[in-house]
N, C-alpha and C. Protein backbone atom coordinates (compact mmCIF):
# COMPACT_ATOMS: atom_id res chain seq x y z
N UNK A 1 0.72 -1.40 -0.31
CA UNK A 1 -0.29 -0.29 -0.13
C UNK A 1 1.00 1.40 0.32
N UNK A 2 0.82 1.92 -0.95
CA UNK A 2 1.40 3.58 -0.87
C UNK A 2 0.52 4.40 -0.64
N UNK A 3 0.34 5.53 0.65
CA UNK A 3 0.49 6.74 0.57
C UNK A 3 0.58 7.51 -0.54
N UNK A 4 -0.13 8.56 -0.85
CA UNK A 4 0.08 9.76 -2.07
C UNK A 4 -0.60 10.96 -1.48
N UNK A 5 0.67 11.67 -1.06
CA UNK A 5 -0.18 13.24 -0.32
C UNK A 5 0.65 14.33 -1.08
N UNK A 6 -0.30 15.59 -0.79
CA UNK A 6 0.76 17.04 -1.56
C UNK A 6 1.38 17.29 -0.63
N UNK A 7 1.09 17.32 0.70
CA UNK A 7 2.17 17.34 1.58
C UNK A 7 2.82 16.29 2.99
N UNK A 8 4.35 16.58 3.31
CA UNK A 8 4.32 15.85 4.26
C UNK A 8 3.62 15.84 5.31
N UNK A 9 3.05 14.52 5.70
CA UNK A 9 2.17 14.10 6.54
C UNK A 9 2.44 14.83 7.92
N UNK A 10 1.41 14.83 8.79
CA UNK A 10 2.08 15.53 10.30
C UNK A 10 1.99 14.82 11.08
N UNK A 11 2.10 14.91 12.14
CA UNK A 11 2.53 14.32 13.19
C UNK A 11 1.08 13.02 13.45
N UNK A 12 0.21 13.12 13.32
CA UNK A 12 -0.89 12.71 13.71
C UNK A 12 -1.12 11.57 12.52
N UNK A 13 -0.76 12.15 11.55
CA UNK A 13 -1.11 11.52 10.37
C UNK A 13 0.15 10.30 10.17
N UNK A 14 1.17 11.04 10.69
CA UNK A 14 2.46 10.00 10.75
C UNK A 14 1.93 8.64 12.04
N UNK A 15 1.24 9.26 12.68
CA UNK A 15 1.19 7.66 13.44
C UNK A 15 -0.11 6.70 13.28
N UNK A 16 -0.80 7.68 12.27
CA UNK A 16 -2.15 6.52 11.70
C UNK A 16 -1.11 5.59 10.24
N UNK A 17 -0.37 6.49 9.98
CA UNK A 17 0.46 5.71 8.96
C UNK A 17 1.61 4.50 9.56
N UNK A 18 1.57 4.17 11.10
CA UNK A 18 2.60 3.43 11.93
C UNK A 18 1.81 2.72 12.19
N UNK A 19 0.08 3.06 12.52
CA UNK A 19 -0.85 2.42 12.85
C UNK A 19 -1.03 1.37 12.00
N UNK A 20 -1.07 2.13 10.81
CA UNK A 20 -2.32 0.74 10.16
C UNK A 20 -0.79 0.15 8.78
N UNK A 21 0.97 0.27 9.55
CA UNK A 21 1.56 -0.38 9.17
C UNK A 21 2.00 -0.08 7.00
N UNK A 22 1.44 1.38 6.73
CA UNK A 22 1.52 2.06 5.15
C UNK A 22 3.45 1.67 5.15
N UNK A 23 3.91 0.98 4.82
CA UNK A 23 4.88 1.12 4.43
C UNK A 23 5.90 2.12 3.12
N UNK A 24 5.38 2.52 2.54
CA UNK A 24 5.39 3.92 1.21
C UNK A 24 4.98 5.36 1.49
N UNK A 25 5.29 6.20 1.30
CA UNK A 25 4.52 6.92 1.50
C UNK A 25 5.43 7.85 0.37
N UNK A 26 4.53 9.20 -0.20
CA UNK A 26 4.62 9.79 -1.21
C UNK A 26 4.41 11.46 -1.15
N UNK A 27 5.13 12.35 -0.97
CA UNK A 27 4.49 13.59 -1.45
C UNK A 27 5.43 14.53 -1.67
N UNK A 28 4.95 15.28 -2.20
CA UNK A 28 4.94 16.70 -3.51
C UNK A 28 5.96 18.00 -2.22
N UNK A 29 5.13 18.14 -1.51
CA UNK A 29 6.23 19.29 -0.54
C UNK A 29 6.55 18.63 0.14
N UNK A 30 7.71 18.73 0.75
CA UNK A 30 8.33 18.41 2.52
C UNK A 30 8.40 19.60 3.56
N UNK A 31 8.23 19.20 4.38
CA UNK A 31 8.80 20.50 5.14
C UNK A 31 9.34 21.04 5.43
N UNK A 32 9.46 22.07 5.82
CA UNK A 32 10.90 22.80 6.07
C UNK A 32 11.87 22.41 7.47
N UNK A 33 12.97 22.07 7.41
CA UNK A 33 13.54 22.05 8.33
C UNK A 33 13.06 22.41 10.03
N UNK A 34 12.53 23.88 9.39
CA UNK A 34 11.89 24.57 11.11
C UNK A 34 10.89 23.77 11.49
N UNK A 35 10.26 23.81 10.54
CA UNK A 35 8.48 23.21 10.75
C UNK A 35 8.85 21.60 11.76
N UNK A 36 9.97 20.89 11.03
CA UNK A 36 10.49 19.87 11.82
C UNK A 36 10.50 20.18 13.25
N UNK A 37 11.60 20.62 13.47
CA UNK A 37 12.10 21.04 14.36
C UNK A 37 10.89 21.45 15.69
N UNK A 38 10.11 22.66 15.04
CA UNK A 38 9.02 22.45 16.01
C UNK A 38 8.17 21.51 16.58
N UNK A 39 8.02 20.92 15.45
CA UNK A 39 7.01 19.44 15.70
C UNK A 39 7.96 18.16 16.74
N UNK A 40 9.09 18.69 16.38
CA UNK A 40 9.92 17.22 17.64
C UNK A 40 10.29 18.05 18.92
N UNK A 41 10.17 19.82 19.01
CA UNK A 41 10.32 20.33 20.50
C UNK A 41 8.87 20.03 20.95
N UNK A 42 7.50 19.86 20.33
CA UNK A 42 6.18 19.83 20.71
C UNK A 42 6.17 18.54 21.29
N UNK A 43 6.45 17.29 20.68
CA UNK A 43 6.87 16.16 21.11
C UNK A 43 8.34 15.92 22.39
N UNK A 44 8.32 16.41 22.47
CA UNK A 44 9.68 16.86 23.54
C UNK A 44 9.32 17.11 24.75
N UNK A 45 8.66 18.50 24.81
CA UNK A 45 7.59 18.77 25.70
C UNK A 45 7.02 18.18 26.02
N UNK A 46 6.33 17.32 25.46
CA UNK A 46 4.83 16.29 25.38
C UNK A 46 5.60 15.20 26.78
N UNK A 47 6.38 14.97 26.23
CA UNK A 47 7.76 13.64 27.24
C UNK A 47 7.98 14.33 28.23
N UNK A 48 8.70 15.54 28.01
CA UNK A 48 8.73 15.88 29.38
C UNK A 48 7.73 16.39 30.50
N UNK A 49 6.68 16.89 30.32
CA UNK A 49 5.27 17.78 31.21
C UNK A 49 4.19 16.35 31.09
N UNK A 50 4.30 15.27 30.64
CA UNK A 50 3.48 14.17 30.80
C UNK A 50 3.98 13.25 32.81
N UNK A 51 2.57 12.90 32.99
CA UNK A 51 2.73 12.57 34.74
C UNK A 51 1.50 11.80 34.44
N UNK A 52 2.00 10.47 35.39
CA UNK A 52 1.46 9.03 35.31
C UNK A 52 0.41 9.15 36.25
N UNK A 53 -1.00 8.68 36.12
CA UNK A 53 -1.80 10.03 37.32
C UNK A 53 -2.10 8.76 38.27
N UNK A 54 -1.50 7.44 38.27
CA UNK A 54 -2.46 6.14 39.17
C UNK A 54 -1.69 4.83 38.82
N UNK A 55 -2.28 4.01 39.51
CA UNK A 55 -1.76 2.41 39.06
C UNK A 55 -2.80 1.99 38.05
N UNK A 56 -2.51 0.88 37.57
CA UNK A 56 -2.70 0.65 36.41
C UNK A 56 -4.32 -0.19 36.84
N UNK A 57 -4.73 -0.54 37.82
CA UNK A 57 -5.97 -1.40 37.56
C UNK A 57 -7.14 -0.28 38.31
N UNK A 58 -6.75 0.74 38.08
CA UNK A 58 -7.26 1.68 37.97
C UNK A 58 -8.41 2.01 36.38
N UNK A 59 -7.41 2.25 35.78
CA UNK A 59 -7.55 1.86 34.50
C UNK A 59 -8.15 0.78 33.43
N UNK A 60 -7.78 -0.30 34.11
CA UNK A 60 -8.77 -1.06 33.56
C UNK A 60 -9.83 -1.63 33.90
N UNK A 61 -9.97 -1.27 35.44
CA UNK A 61 -11.51 -1.32 35.41
C UNK A 61 -12.30 -0.60 35.25
N UNK A 62 -12.44 0.44 33.92
CA UNK A 62 -12.65 1.36 33.70
C UNK A 62 -13.20 0.86 32.35
N UNK A 63 -12.96 -0.36 32.15
CA UNK A 63 -12.96 -1.26 31.05
C UNK A 63 -14.21 -1.86 30.68
N UNK A 64 -14.34 -2.67 32.41
CA UNK A 64 -14.92 -3.64 32.53
C UNK A 64 -16.54 -3.00 32.31
N UNK A 65 -17.02 -4.10 32.79
CA UNK A 65 -18.76 -3.58 31.56
C UNK A 65 -19.57 -3.54 33.40
N UNK A 66 -20.51 -3.25 32.84
CA UNK A 66 -20.89 -2.58 34.43
C UNK A 66 -21.89 -4.21 34.93
N UNK A 67 -22.06 -4.53 35.66
CA UNK A 67 -22.79 -5.50 35.98
C UNK A 67 -23.78 -6.35 35.46
N UNK A 68 -24.87 -5.19 35.79
CA UNK A 68 -26.53 -5.17 34.89
C UNK A 68 -26.13 -5.06 33.40
N UNK A 69 -25.34 -4.56 32.92
CA UNK A 69 -25.49 -3.85 31.51
C UNK A 69 -25.63 -5.68 30.38
N UNK A 70 -25.26 -6.63 30.66
CA UNK A 70 -25.73 -7.51 29.85
C UNK A 70 -27.28 -8.08 29.64
N UNK A 71 -27.71 -7.99 31.63
CA UNK A 71 -29.21 -8.64 31.64
C UNK A 71 -30.32 -7.81 30.74
N UNK A 72 -30.29 -6.59 29.84
CA UNK A 72 -31.24 -5.77 29.94
C UNK A 72 -31.41 -5.89 28.96
């Protein structure tokens, strides 16, 4: 599968490209080095400022079905 675009993919599109295992990307216009550096800086800031909110059991419990859900 080849993705063809008029402009180099943004960060969100790159995530989708990785998620769907698209192996080849062709684009007409590349981003400037400054645009790429700004994106990298934003990604770095995210990594520095992220905070783990609690234990994983709390997150897992959010995905359990309510006990009475299937009986309706």
